Structures are given as C-alpha cells and as structure tokens.
Amino acid sequence: MQEACDYSEVPGVIWWGTERRMSLERLAAYAAPVYWFSPDEPSLRRREGLDVRLPEIIPGEPVVDKPVVYYQFDEILSRPEAEGPAYLPGPGGQGTGEVELANVAAITLGIFAYFADEVGLGAHPHDLEATSFKLVVLPDTYEAFREYAPACSEENQVVVITRSTAKAHGLQWFWNVVETDDFTSFPMHLLVEEGKHGIATDKNGDGYFTPGYDVNVRINDAWGVRDNMATGLMATGKFESWMAKVRRPEHRVIPPLPDDSPLKSAFERKLGDVENAVYELRPLPPADIAGDDEGLHHIIAGHAVPGWPETDELSSTKAWGSFVTEGTALKSLSIAFRADGDLGFSFVFPFFIVKHLSDPMTGGYIVHRMYLKDEKLRDFGWMLLYTPSASRWVDTYLAAGAEQDEEVDSLGVSTREWDFVFETGLKFRVNMAHTPLKFLTVFTDYWGFRAGIKNRGFWDISNLTYVFEVGAGSF
C-alpha cells in the first residue's frame, strides 16, 4: 500500500491496495473475527491464553494443535461494468480460487466455529455457529471516500465490511446484526455464549454486549449473549445485562491477520501483553465429510452452499435485494384461531404489507391485525397492534381499532354497528424447531398462544371480554 493512500479512517475498511487479484483464503483472513469466550465456558477446560483450543476441528478434518475456524464465500457479485469474471476458480476445489478485485462489487462471507457439543437447554452433539459479513469492493475514486482521504495517484481497490451478522441459534429473528458505523472496530469481536455457543457481535471489542450499540438492527429481538442459558434457565424473554458474564483478555482467540493488514498494528496494541491463541483458517468442508454421522451431516448441510461461491451480477434485482436485505428485513404473516365469546380467526401482517413499521424509540413493531368471528364469520374487526418484539418467548401487547358487530333479531332483520375496541394482554411463543412438533416449521418457525382482555366502546365500555388465540406466526 502506498503511504500517500491512507483509507484507515473509512468505517469498516479492512484492506486497500493496487493488487488486481487476491486469493479467497487471504481475503477471508483480512475479514476474520476475534472469538471471545466466557471464563466458565465448559469446553475451555479452564485453559487460557495460548493453551485455548476453541473453536474446534470438524471431525474428519486434518488435526492440528491449535484452534480452527472455517470460511465460505456464499456469494460474489460482479460490477455491472466488469470486463471479466469477478471470481476465478482454482485448481484445488473450493477455497482455492481468486477474486478479480476490479470486477467485484459485493461479497457475502460466512465464518464458522465448530464445537463438539453444547450443554444446557436443548443440549446436543455437534454445534456449528455461523457469522456472516457483507463486503463491498470499491475503487478509491468513490466519491464518499473524499471525506477521509484524497484519491491515490494509482487506482486502488478498497474493501469494506458494511454489515456483520452473528446468526445466534440459527433463527433469523434472533440474529445479532450490526450495520457498520463510525464506532465499529475491526477485526470484529464475537462473544461466544457459555455452553450454548450462540454468537453475538461486540462492535467495540470491550467484552460487553450492549443492545442498541453492539446491535443496531431489530434491537429488541436480538438474542445478545445469554451465558445463563447453560444452566437451562429461561428467565425473561428479553436480553438482560446480567445474563452475560464479563469477558477476560486471556479467553480471546484471535484471527491470523496478514502482516500487511491495516488493522494489525492497532489490534496488537489493543491486545497488550496478553498472549492469545491464533486460530487456523480453513475452507468449510462439504457435508459428506460427516460420513454416517447424521447429526454432523445435518449441521454442515444447513450452512453449506453447494459449489460455493454463487456468482451473479449486481445489476440483477434479485441479487441486489438478497445482498441488501439478508438478516435485516423480515416479513411475517400470522394466522390464529380466536375465541372472545364468539369463535373465529385472526390475521396479522406488516404495517406496510411487505415491510414492518418499527417504533424508533422503543424498537417494537406496529402491525395490522384483522379478525372474522361469530356465525358465518359475519363480524369483522381491524386493529393496529403494538408489541415490543417478534421473537421473545413471552411479550406484552396493546391493540386498538374498530369492530363491526352484526346482530339478527327474531324477525330476521340484521343490524350492523361499528365501535371502538381496545385489547391488551400477553403473547407466548414457541420455536417449534426445538420441539417434537418440529414438522410444523414447514409453515413458520414460531407458533404461539395469546391471552388478553378486550373492551368495546371508548368512553362508555359496553362489553368486556377475555380473548384467547392459538396459531402460527411471530405476531
């Protein structure tokens, strides 16, 4: 890198230079994160510093006396004006190819940590925890860079991480997502949940998880890092600071940053005098490595992209939409059987039909709720419903709107009357993937039960009734 070209102040930058090509392994090393364990992590076996051997080696892989982390380039998108391919396959199969940097627009990089087992609620052998990084590659002539540095005399390509997604426990609503801003430090620190190994982002590397700071997308749904889960204790539905234990410097496992990484000197200063184990970075093996071990085959197959990387052009609407929205924009339609003195069905869908409305002050959601009930479903109601989250196992909710009630007298004459309705109560959710009824996840991961109280009338309450619902969907 030229001394005159310094893009170190660009948020999320991990590399810049004049090289035309770069191997996938080297590119993954520039983006590779730090893993930070709880001091009471069972798999640590009380080891620290250079003696730590976590994350572990996937069975069937070559054995080395050091931690091992795996990478996979899920997707490489080329620039619309590219004069050639963005990805050049290598002779040795997956992980041996190169990228033509001047032709690359965006990349989705997966990083994986394997653990032989997990403990606590829902314990099972084999655990593969995924983190996704969104990278963009831009020429140094990109106008937004002028805020940080002048253009170089020779064209440079600049690689920036725009989003980090720690896919805690595999469920999208739980993902810890941080969009890169001026306060995000790289290499990204990842907090590993004690015993359960769910991953959380720690964007300033201080060893603490702070909602709204270490995650800035779906803050109320973000799982965080819940070290108390190893005890089997469910406690509250939302993350609380007491759930996470204080991380100590000797329990970090650090990435093999290349010597010319612009992050290296500042990172080494941050480590201080503590000596930490450095993990080996390898391409994620195919699920076939599991042989007859169905459990191992299942967890690898759940993350593996056959023949990775997938390639496309960024001008493709589908490719651009996939890159921008993965892990940030979720849609959810809920349907439930309803009883409030009459029987019927209710439906919940996003406020903007295809996009949720989130309250910027509280982080909760405002959604539409409609219901049909009574004989031949003749009564209709519409409400705006507010709930703090879409994934906690227990949540409060408030809903207000209007209801049409149709009554038929003894002569067969029907009358219809609209009035204000208000409802409040509790929503209980279960992730069916972790129950004997996991076949129900064909429709949705979440099924739930709602118990509330509804009144009809604004100033003059004419009808007060209980409401019970059971059905599918987050809301």
Protein backbone atom coordinates (compact mmCIF):
# COMPACT_ATOMS: atom_id res chain seq x y z
CA MET A 1 0.00 0.00 0.00
CA GLN A 2 1.24 3.47 -0.85
CA GLU A 3 1.98 5.77 2.09
CA ALA A 4 0.07 8.57 0.36
CA CYS A 5 -3.03 6.41 0.21
CA ASP A 6 -4.47 6.01 3.68
CA TYR A 7 -8.06 4.85 3.96
CA SER A 8 -7.76 3.65 7.55
CA GLU A 9 -10.41 6.16 8.69
CA VAL A 10 -13.08 4.74 6.36
CA PRO A 11 -15.63 2.92 8.57
CA GLY A 12 -15.34 -0.85 8.07
CA VAL A 13 -12.21 -0.80 5.89
CA ILE A 14 -10.15 -4.00 6.08
CA TRP A 15 -7.83 -3.60 3.07
CA TRP A 16 -6.87 -1.34 0.18
CA GLY A 17 -4.23 -1.66 -2.49
CA THR A 18 -3.30 -1.89 -6.16
CA GLU A 19 -3.24 -5.68 -6.45
CA ARG A 20 -5.56 -6.97 -9.13
CA ARG A 21 -6.18 -10.42 -7.69
CA MET A 22 -6.47 -11.89 -4.22
CA SER A 23 -6.94 -15.48 -3.04
CA LEU A 24 -10.13 -16.34 -1.18
CA GLU A 25 -8.11 -17.54 1.80
CA ARG A 26 -6.24 -14.25 2.09
CA LEU A 27 -9.39 -12.17 1.69
CA ALA A 28 -11.09 -14.21 4.42
CA ALA A 29 -8.10 -13.58 6.71
CA TYR A 30 -8.47 -9.79 6.36
CA ALA A 31 -12.11 -10.05 7.49
CA ALA A 32 -11.70 -12.80 10.10
CA PRO A 33 -13.10 -12.05 13.59
CA VAL A 34 -11.98 -12.49 17.19
CA TYR A 35 -13.79 -15.14 19.29
CA TRP A 36 -14.22 -14.24 22.96
CA PHE A 37 -15.31 -16.91 25.44
CA SER A 38 -16.88 -16.78 28.88
CA PRO A 39 -14.36 -17.64 31.63
CA ASP A 40 -16.67 -20.52 32.61
CA GLU A 41 -17.10 -21.97 29.10
CA PRO A 42 -17.14 -25.77 29.74
CA SER A 43 -15.16 -26.57 26.57
CA LEU A 44 -12.31 -24.31 27.68
CA ARG A 45 -11.46 -26.83 30.43
CA ARG A 46 -10.02 -23.90 32.42
CA ARG A 47 -7.41 -23.19 29.75
CA GLU A 48 -6.45 -19.67 28.81
CA GLY A 49 -4.14 -17.71 26.54
CA LEU A 50 -2.01 -19.81 24.20
CA ASP A 51 -3.50 -23.04 25.59
CA VAL A 52 -7.05 -22.40 24.35
CA ARG A 53 -8.16 -24.89 21.68
CA LEU A 54 -11.52 -23.42 20.72
CA PRO A 55 -13.17 -23.33 18.22
CA GLU A 56 -12.59 -27.00 17.41
CA ILE A 57 -11.78 -29.06 14.32
CA ILE A 58 -14.67 -30.64 12.42
CA PRO A 59 -14.36 -34.46 12.67
CA GLY A 60 -12.67 -35.87 9.57
CA GLU A 61 -10.55 -32.74 9.04
CA PRO A 62 -6.72 -32.83 9.44
CA VAL A 63 -5.76 -32.48 13.11
CA VAL A 64 -3.57 -29.57 14.28
CA ASP A 65 -2.67 -28.41 17.78
CA LYS A 66 -4.46 -25.06 17.54
CA PRO A 67 -7.97 -23.65 17.20
CA VAL A 68 -9.58 -23.85 13.75
CA VAL A 69 -12.20 -21.59 12.16
CA TYR A 70 -13.86 -22.18 8.77
CA TYR A 71 -14.84 -19.82 5.98
CA GLN A 72 -17.17 -19.99 2.99
CA PHE A 73 -17.78 -17.39 0.29
CA ASP A 74 -21.53 -17.71 -0.13
CA GLU A 75 -21.90 -15.16 -2.89
CA ILE A 76 -19.71 -12.98 -5.10
CA LEU A 77 -21.41 -10.26 -7.12
CA SER A 78 -19.68 -8.61 -10.06
CA ARG A 79 -19.90 -4.97 -11.10
CA PRO A 80 -22.25 -4.17 -13.98
CA GLU A 81 -19.36 -2.65 -15.96
CA ALA A 82 -16.97 -5.54 -15.24
CA GLU A 83 -14.91 -6.59 -18.26
CA GLY A 84 -14.43 -10.13 -16.99
CA PRO A 85 -15.41 -12.54 -14.22
CA ALA A 86 -15.21 -11.47 -10.58
CA TYR A 87 -14.39 -14.99 -9.40
CA LEU A 88 -11.66 -17.21 -10.83
CA PRO A 89 -11.88 -20.88 -9.72
CA GLY A 90 -8.68 -22.51 -8.50
CA PRO A 91 -7.28 -25.94 -9.37
CA GLY A 92 -7.75 -27.32 -5.86
CA GLY A 93 -11.52 -27.02 -5.50
CA GLN A 94 -13.47 -24.89 -3.04
CA GLY A 95 -11.47 -22.24 -1.25
CA THR A 96 -8.56 -22.22 -3.71
CA GLY A 97 -9.93 -19.64 -6.15
CA GLU A 98 -9.23 -15.93 -6.51
CA VAL A 99 -11.22 -12.74 -6.95
CA GLU A 100 -10.50 -10.14 -9.63
CA LEU A 101 -10.91 -7.14 -7.34
CA ALA A 102 -11.66 -4.56 -10.05
CA ASN A 103 -14.60 -6.70 -11.17
CA VAL A 104 -16.04 -7.39 -7.70
CA ALA A 105 -18.93 -5.32 -6.34
CA ALA A 106 -20.04 -7.22 -3.24
CA ILE A 107 -19.31 -10.40 -1.31
CA THR A 108 -21.11 -12.42 1.35
CA LEU A 109 -18.54 -14.19 3.54
CA GLY A 110 -19.53 -16.86 6.05
CA ILE A 111 -17.31 -17.64 9.05
CA PHE A 112 -17.99 -20.78 11.11
CA ALA A 113 -16.97 -22.02 14.56
CA TYR A 114 -17.39 -25.73 15.34
CA PHE A 115 -17.88 -27.19 18.81
CA ALA A 116 -18.11 -30.90 19.59
CA ASP A 117 -21.18 -30.40 21.78
CA GLU A 118 -23.22 -27.89 23.71
CA VAL A 119 -24.70 -28.02 27.20
CA GLY A 120 -27.82 -26.68 28.87
CA LEU A 121 -31.32 -26.34 27.48
CA GLY A 122 -31.69 -28.43 24.30
CA ALA A 123 -28.14 -29.83 24.54
CA HIS A 124 -26.89 -31.89 21.58
CA PRO A 125 -23.64 -33.09 20.00
CA HIS A 126 -22.11 -31.06 17.16
CA ASP A 127 -22.59 -27.31 17.03
CA LEU A 128 -21.66 -25.09 14.08
CA GLU A 129 -22.14 -21.38 14.74
CA ALA A 130 -22.23 -19.01 11.77
CA THR A 131 -21.36 -15.35 11.31
CA SER A 132 -21.90 -13.51 8.03
CA PHE A 133 -20.01 -10.46 6.78
CA LYS A 134 -21.17 -8.26 3.92
CA LEU A 135 -18.19 -6.86 1.99
CA VAL A 136 -18.15 -4.29 -0.77
CA VAL A 137 -15.19 -3.57 -3.05
CA LEU A 138 -14.96 -0.01 -4.35
CA PRO A 139 -12.41 1.95 -6.38
CA ASP A 140 -10.61 4.70 -4.49
CA THR A 141 -12.32 7.21 -6.80
CA TYR A 142 -15.60 6.52 -4.98
CA GLU A 143 -16.90 9.96 -4.04
CA ALA A 144 -17.75 9.12 -0.41
CA PHE A 145 -14.06 8.37 0.26
CA ARG A 146 -13.13 12.03 -0.28
CA GLU A 147 -14.32 12.73 3.25
CA TYR A 148 -11.50 10.54 4.53
CA ALA A 149 -8.64 10.76 2.04
CA PRO A 150 -7.72 12.14 -1.41
CA ALA A 151 -7.70 9.84 -4.41
CA CYS A 152 -4.50 7.86 -4.95
CA SER A 153 -2.12 8.55 -7.83
CA GLU A 154 -2.59 4.92 -8.88
CA GLU A 155 -6.01 3.27 -8.76
CA ASN A 156 -6.61 1.33 -5.55
CA GLN A 157 -9.40 -1.07 -4.67
CA VAL A 158 -10.86 -0.62 -1.18
CA VAL A 159 -12.54 -3.49 0.71
CA VAL A 160 -15.10 -2.51 3.36
CA ILE A 161 -17.31 -4.56 5.69
CA THR A 162 -20.76 -2.95 5.72
CA ARG A 163 -22.62 -5.40 7.97
CA SER A 164 -21.79 -8.14 10.47
CA THR A 165 -24.43 -10.73 11.34
CA ALA A 166 -23.92 -13.21 14.17
CA LYS A 167 -26.55 -15.87 13.47
CA ALA A 168 -27.34 -16.73 17.08
CA HIS A 169 -29.07 -20.11 17.34
CA GLY A 170 -29.92 -20.09 13.64
CA LEU A 171 -33.26 -18.27 13.89
CA GLN A 172 -33.34 -15.05 11.86
CA TRP A 173 -35.33 -13.05 14.40
CA PHE A 174 -32.56 -13.78 16.95
CA TRP A 175 -29.66 -12.72 14.74
CA ASN A 176 -27.35 -10.10 16.21
CA VAL A 177 -26.92 -7.65 13.33
CA VAL A 178 -24.71 -4.56 13.36
CA GLU A 179 -24.52 -2.16 10.43
CA THR A 180 -21.03 -0.65 10.29
CA ASP A 181 -20.77 2.93 11.53
CA ASP A 182 -18.03 5.29 12.71
CA PHE A 183 -17.73 3.46 16.03
CA THR A 184 -17.37 -0.08 14.67
CA SER A 185 -13.94 -1.64 15.14
CA PHE A 186 -12.40 -4.46 13.14
CA PRO A 187 -11.47 -7.22 13.42
CA MET A 188 -14.98 -7.74 14.76
CA HIS A 189 -15.10 -9.26 18.25
CA LEU A 190 -17.64 -12.05 18.66
CA LEU A 191 -18.88 -13.02 22.12
CA VAL A 192 -19.47 -16.77 22.40
CA GLU A 193 -22.32 -17.82 24.66
CA GLU A 194 -21.29 -20.07 27.52
CA GLY A 195 -22.12 -23.71 26.81
CA LYS A 196 -24.64 -22.93 24.04
CA HIS A 197 -22.13 -21.09 21.77
CA GLY A 198 -24.60 -18.61 20.26
CA ILE A 199 -22.61 -15.72 18.76
CA ALA A 200 -23.08 -12.00 19.49
CA THR A 201 -21.36 -9.00 17.91
CA ASP A 202 -19.23 -6.73 20.11
CA LYS A 203 -18.52 -3.84 17.80
CA ASN A 204 -16.03 -2.01 20.01
CA GLY A 205 -14.38 -5.11 21.47
CA ASP A 206 -14.93 -4.18 25.12
CA GLY A 207 -16.22 -7.61 26.17
CA TYR A 208 -19.73 -6.36 26.99
CA PHE A 209 -22.92 -6.73 24.96
CA THR A 210 -24.93 -3.50 24.77
CA PRO A 211 -28.27 -3.61 22.87
CA GLY A 212 -28.63 -0.64 20.55
CA TYR A 213 -24.85 -0.34 20.30
CA ASP A 214 -23.44 -3.79 19.61
CA VAL A 215 -26.55 -4.50 17.52
CA ASN A 216 -28.47 -1.79 15.66
CA VAL A 217 -31.00 -3.87 13.68
CA ARG A 218 -34.10 -5.39 15.34
CA ILE A 219 -32.68 -4.43 18.73
CA ASN A 220 -35.47 -5.94 20.83
CA ASP A 221 -35.29 -9.28 19.02
CA ALA A 222 -31.50 -9.60 19.00
CA TRP A 223 -30.52 -12.55 21.17
CA GLY A 224 -27.42 -10.97 22.66
CA VAL A 225 -25.23 -13.39 24.60
CA ARG A 226 -27.01 -15.29 27.38
CA ASP A 227 -24.43 -17.18 29.39
CA ASN A 228 -27.12 -18.22 31.88
CA MET A 229 -28.70 -20.47 29.21
CA ALA A 230 -26.13 -23.17 30.01
CA THR A 231 -27.99 -23.70 33.30
CA GLY A 232 -31.28 -24.33 31.48
CA LEU A 233 -32.79 -21.16 32.97
CA MET A 234 -35.16 -19.35 30.59
CA ALA A 235 -35.65 -16.27 32.85
CA THR A 236 -37.04 -13.26 30.94
CA GLY A 237 -37.90 -13.17 27.27
CA LYS A 238 -35.56 -10.28 26.51
CA PHE A 239 -31.81 -9.93 26.93
CA GLU A 240 -30.71 -8.54 30.30
CA SER A 241 -27.17 -7.39 31.08
CA TRP A 242 -26.87 -9.82 34.00
CA MET A 243 -27.19 -12.74 31.57
CA ALA A 244 -23.70 -12.10 30.12
CA LYS A 245 -20.53 -12.73 32.12
CA VAL A 246 -17.58 -10.37 31.95
CA ARG A 247 -15.04 -11.45 29.31
CA ARG A 248 -11.33 -11.57 30.19
CA PRO A 249 -8.46 -10.86 27.76
CA GLU A 250 -6.93 -14.33 28.20
CA HIS A 251 -10.05 -16.00 26.79
CA ARG A 252 -9.85 -14.38 23.36
CA VAL A 253 -8.88 -16.42 20.30
CA ILE A 254 -7.53 -14.19 17.56
CA PRO A 255 -7.50 -14.36 13.73
CA PRO A 256 -4.45 -14.91 11.50
CA LEU A 257 -4.37 -11.33 10.21
CA PRO A 258 -1.98 -10.94 7.24
CA ASP A 259 1.16 -8.94 8.02
CA ASP A 260 0.06 -6.11 5.71
CA SER A 261 -3.40 -5.81 7.26
CA PRO A 262 -4.17 -2.14 8.03
CA LEU A 263 -5.85 -3.40 11.21
CA LYS A 264 -2.87 -5.28 12.59
CA SER A 265 -0.91 -2.61 14.48
CA ALA A 266 -3.92 -1.10 16.27
CA PHE A 267 -5.22 -4.58 17.08
CA GLU A 268 -1.91 -5.67 18.59
CA ARG A 269 -1.87 -2.55 20.76
CA LYS A 270 -5.33 -3.45 21.99
CA LEU A 271 -4.19 -6.96 22.93
CA GLY A 272 -1.40 -5.52 25.06
CA ASP A 273 0.86 -8.01 26.83
CA VAL A 274 -1.65 -10.87 26.76
CA GLU A 275 -0.65 -13.77 24.52
CA ASN A 276 -3.64 -15.34 22.80
CA ALA A 277 -4.05 -18.44 20.66
CA VAL A 278 -4.24 -17.74 16.92
CA TYR A 279 -6.69 -19.92 15.02
CA GLU A 280 -6.12 -21.56 11.65
CA LEU A 281 -8.49 -20.51 8.87
CA ARG A 282 -9.81 -23.24 6.55
CA PRO A 283 -12.49 -23.56 3.86
CA LEU A 284 -15.71 -25.11 5.16
CA PRO A 285 -15.73 -28.79 4.12
CA PRO A 286 -18.78 -30.31 2.39
CA ALA A 287 -21.33 -32.19 4.48
CA ASP A 288 -20.06 -35.51 3.07
CA ILE A 289 -17.15 -35.31 5.49
CA ALA A 290 -19.59 -36.40 8.21
CA GLY A 291 -19.87 -39.91 6.77
CA ASP A 292 -22.51 -41.86 8.69
CA ASP A 293 -22.85 -39.25 11.42
CA GLU A 294 -26.29 -37.86 10.61
CA GLY A 295 -26.12 -35.14 13.26
CA LEU A 296 -22.87 -33.71 11.90
CA HIS A 297 -24.08 -34.03 8.31
CA HIS A 298 -27.22 -32.11 9.20
CA ILE A 299 -25.49 -29.10 10.77
CA ILE A 300 -22.94 -28.73 7.97
CA ALA A 301 -25.55 -29.16 5.25
CA GLY A 302 -27.64 -26.47 6.94
CA HIS A 303 -24.90 -23.90 6.25
CA ALA A 304 -23.06 -25.20 3.20
CA VAL A 305 -23.57 -23.59 -0.20
CA PRO A 306 -23.00 -26.35 -2.79
CA GLY A 307 -20.19 -25.47 -5.17
CA TRP A 308 -19.58 -22.14 -3.44
CA PRO A 309 -19.36 -19.33 -4.24
CA GLU A 310 -22.57 -18.50 -6.06
CA THR A 311 -21.94 -15.73 -8.60
CA ASP A 312 -24.19 -13.08 -10.09
CA GLU A 313 -24.12 -9.53 -11.39
CA LEU A 314 -25.08 -6.73 -9.03
CA SER A 315 -27.36 -5.28 -11.69
CA SER A 316 -29.61 -8.28 -11.08
CA THR A 317 -32.55 -7.08 -8.98
CA LYS A 318 -32.73 -10.42 -7.20
CA ALA A 319 -29.01 -10.39 -6.38
CA TRP A 320 -29.10 -6.83 -5.08
CA GLY A 321 -32.19 -7.48 -2.98
CA SER A 322 -30.66 -10.59 -1.46
CA PHE A 323 -27.44 -8.79 -0.59
CA VAL A 324 -29.10 -5.74 0.95
CA THR A 325 -31.87 -7.39 2.96
CA GLU A 326 -30.38 -10.63 4.31
CA GLY A 327 -30.70 -10.55 8.06
CA THR A 328 -32.32 -7.11 8.22
CA ALA A 329 -35.74 -7.20 6.57
CA LEU A 330 -38.13 -9.93 7.70
CA LYS A 331 -41.76 -10.34 6.80
CA SER A 332 -44.23 -12.34 8.84
CA LEU A 333 -47.87 -13.31 8.32
CA SER A 334 -49.62 -14.77 11.35
CA ILE A 335 -52.92 -16.64 11.46
CA ALA A 336 -54.68 -17.91 14.56
CA PHE A 337 -57.88 -19.48 15.84
CA ARG A 338 -59.68 -16.89 18.00
CA ALA A 339 -62.20 -17.04 20.85
CA ASP A 340 -63.64 -13.96 22.60
CA GLY A 341 -67.13 -15.21 23.39
CA ASP A 342 -67.52 -15.87 19.66
CA LEU A 343 -65.30 -18.12 17.56
CA GLY A 344 -63.31 -17.06 14.52
CA PHE A 345 -59.90 -16.38 13.01
CA SER A 346 -57.40 -13.53 13.22
CA PHE A 347 -54.68 -12.42 10.81
CA VAL A 348 -51.62 -10.25 11.48
CA PHE A 349 -49.45 -8.76 8.72
CA PRO A 350 -46.81 -6.00 8.39
CA PHE A 351 -47.89 -2.36 8.56
CA PHE A 352 -46.58 -1.65 5.06
CA ILE A 353 -47.78 -5.07 3.81
CA VAL A 354 -44.28 -6.09 2.65
CA LYS A 355 -42.30 -4.25 5.32
CA HIS A 356 -42.60 -3.81 9.07
CA LEU A 357 -43.06 -0.47 10.83
CA SER A 358 -40.68 -0.30 13.78
CA ASP A 359 -41.03 2.27 16.55
CA PRO A 360 -37.68 4.14 16.56
CA MET A 361 -37.97 4.98 20.27
CA THR A 362 -38.74 1.54 21.71
CA GLY A 363 -37.70 -0.81 18.91
CA GLY A 364 -41.12 -2.51 18.90
CA TYR A 365 -43.41 -3.25 15.95
CA ILE A 366 -46.74 -1.81 14.83
CA VAL A 367 -48.71 -4.26 12.68
CA HIS A 368 -52.18 -4.70 11.22
CA ARG A 369 -54.49 -7.20 12.88
CA MET A 370 -57.82 -8.28 11.41
CA TYR A 371 -60.30 -10.86 12.60
CA LEU A 372 -63.52 -12.53 11.49
CA LYS A 373 -65.83 -14.18 14.01
CA ASP A 374 -69.34 -15.18 15.05
CA GLU A 375 -71.86 -17.09 12.92
CA LYS A 376 -70.68 -17.42 9.31
CA LEU A 377 -67.79 -15.10 10.29
CA ARG A 378 -70.16 -12.15 9.94
CA ASP A 379 -68.37 -9.86 12.44
CA PHE A 380 -65.21 -8.06 11.41
CA GLY A 381 -62.54 -6.21 13.36
CA TRP A 382 -59.41 -4.24 12.48
CA MET A 383 -56.72 -3.09 14.90
CA LEU A 384 -53.27 -1.62 15.00
CA LEU A 385 -51.27 -3.86 17.32
CA TYR A 386 -48.05 -2.88 19.12
CA THR A 387 -45.65 -5.47 20.51
CA PRO A 388 -42.09 -4.94 21.82
CA SER A 389 -40.62 -7.82 19.81
CA ALA A 390 -41.38 -10.61 17.37
CA SER A 391 -39.36 -13.41 18.96
CA ARG A 392 -39.34 -13.30 22.77
CA TRP A 393 -40.97 -16.32 24.37
CA VAL A 394 -43.28 -14.01 26.31
CA ASP A 395 -44.33 -10.47 25.34
CA THR A 396 -46.94 -7.90 26.20
CA TYR A 397 -49.08 -6.30 23.50
CA LEU A 398 -51.54 -3.43 23.00
CA ALA A 399 -54.10 -3.19 20.20
CA ALA A 400 -56.75 -0.63 19.28
CA GLY A 401 -59.13 -0.25 16.36
CA ALA A 402 -62.74 -0.74 15.30
CA GLU A 403 -65.12 -3.69 15.26
CA GLN A 404 -68.32 -4.27 13.30
CA ASP A 405 -70.90 -6.30 15.19
CA GLU A 406 -73.89 -7.72 13.32
CA GLU A 407 -76.98 -8.80 15.22
CA VAL A 408 -80.08 -10.54 13.79
CA ASP A 409 -83.40 -10.08 15.59
CA SER A 410 -86.28 -12.56 15.86
CA LEU A 411 -87.75 -11.30 12.59
CA GLY A 412 -84.51 -11.97 10.71
CA VAL A 413 -83.62 -8.29 10.40
CA SER A 414 -79.90 -7.65 10.80
CA THR A 415 -78.29 -4.51 12.19
CA ARG A 416 -74.62 -3.62 11.98
CA GLU A 417 -72.83 -1.37 14.42
CA TRP A 418 -69.23 -0.14 14.47
CA ASP A 419 -67.47 0.78 17.69
CA PHE A 420 -64.01 1.35 19.13
CA VAL A 421 -62.22 -1.68 20.59
CA PHE A 422 -59.13 -1.89 22.79
CA GLU A 423 -57.20 -5.01 23.78
CA THR A 424 -54.15 -5.82 25.88
CA GLY A 425 -52.52 -9.00 27.13
CA LEU A 426 -49.66 -11.45 26.78
CA LYS A 427 -48.29 -13.34 23.78
CA PHE A 428 -46.42 -16.62 24.33
CA ARG A 429 -44.23 -18.01 21.53
CA VAL A 430 -42.55 -21.37 20.96
CA ASN A 431 -39.88 -22.08 18.37
CA MET A 432 -41.23 -25.38 17.05
CA ALA A 433 -37.84 -26.40 15.62
CA HIS A 434 -36.81 -27.45 19.14
CA THR A 435 -39.92 -29.48 19.96
CA PRO A 436 -41.33 -32.91 18.94
CA LEU A 437 -43.69 -30.95 16.66
CA LYS A 438 -40.90 -29.52 14.51
CA PHE A 439 -42.75 -30.63 11.36
CA LEU A 440 -44.91 -27.53 11.92
CA THR A 441 -41.95 -25.35 10.90
CA VAL A 442 -42.97 -26.10 7.32
CA PHE A 443 -45.38 -23.18 7.83
CA THR A 444 -43.42 -20.98 10.26
CA ASP A 445 -40.80 -21.37 12.99
CA TYR A 446 -43.00 -19.79 15.62
CA TRP A 447 -46.36 -20.92 16.95
CA GLY A 448 -47.95 -19.18 19.86
CA PHE A 449 -50.76 -18.53 22.31
CA ARG A 450 -52.31 -15.15 23.13
CA ALA A 451 -54.33 -14.30 26.24
CA GLY A 452 -55.85 -10.85 26.58
CA ILE A 453 -58.74 -8.66 27.68
CA LYS A 454 -60.80 -6.65 25.17
CA ASN A 455 -63.29 -3.86 25.70
CA ARG A 456 -65.80 -2.46 23.21
CA GLY A 457 -66.59 1.25 23.40
CA PHE A 458 -64.34 4.23 24.10
CA TRP A 459 -65.84 6.32 26.91
CA ASP A 460 -68.75 4.01 27.63
CA ILE A 461 -67.45 0.44 27.80
CA SER A 462 -70.34 -1.80 26.80
CA ASN A 463 -68.62 -5.15 26.61
CA LEU A 464 -65.56 -6.51 28.44
CA THR A 465 -64.36 -9.96 27.45
CA TYR A 466 -61.38 -12.29 27.51
CA VAL A 467 -59.59 -13.08 24.25
CA PHE A 468 -57.71 -16.31 23.52
CA GLU A 469 -55.84 -17.13 20.33
CA VAL A 470 -53.64 -20.01 19.25
CA GLY A 471 -51.90 -20.25 15.89
CA ALA A 472 -48.87 -19.79 13.67
CA GLY A 473 -46.56 -16.81 13.25
CA SER A 474 -44.43 -14.40 15.26
CA PHE A 475 -47.23 -11.89 15.86
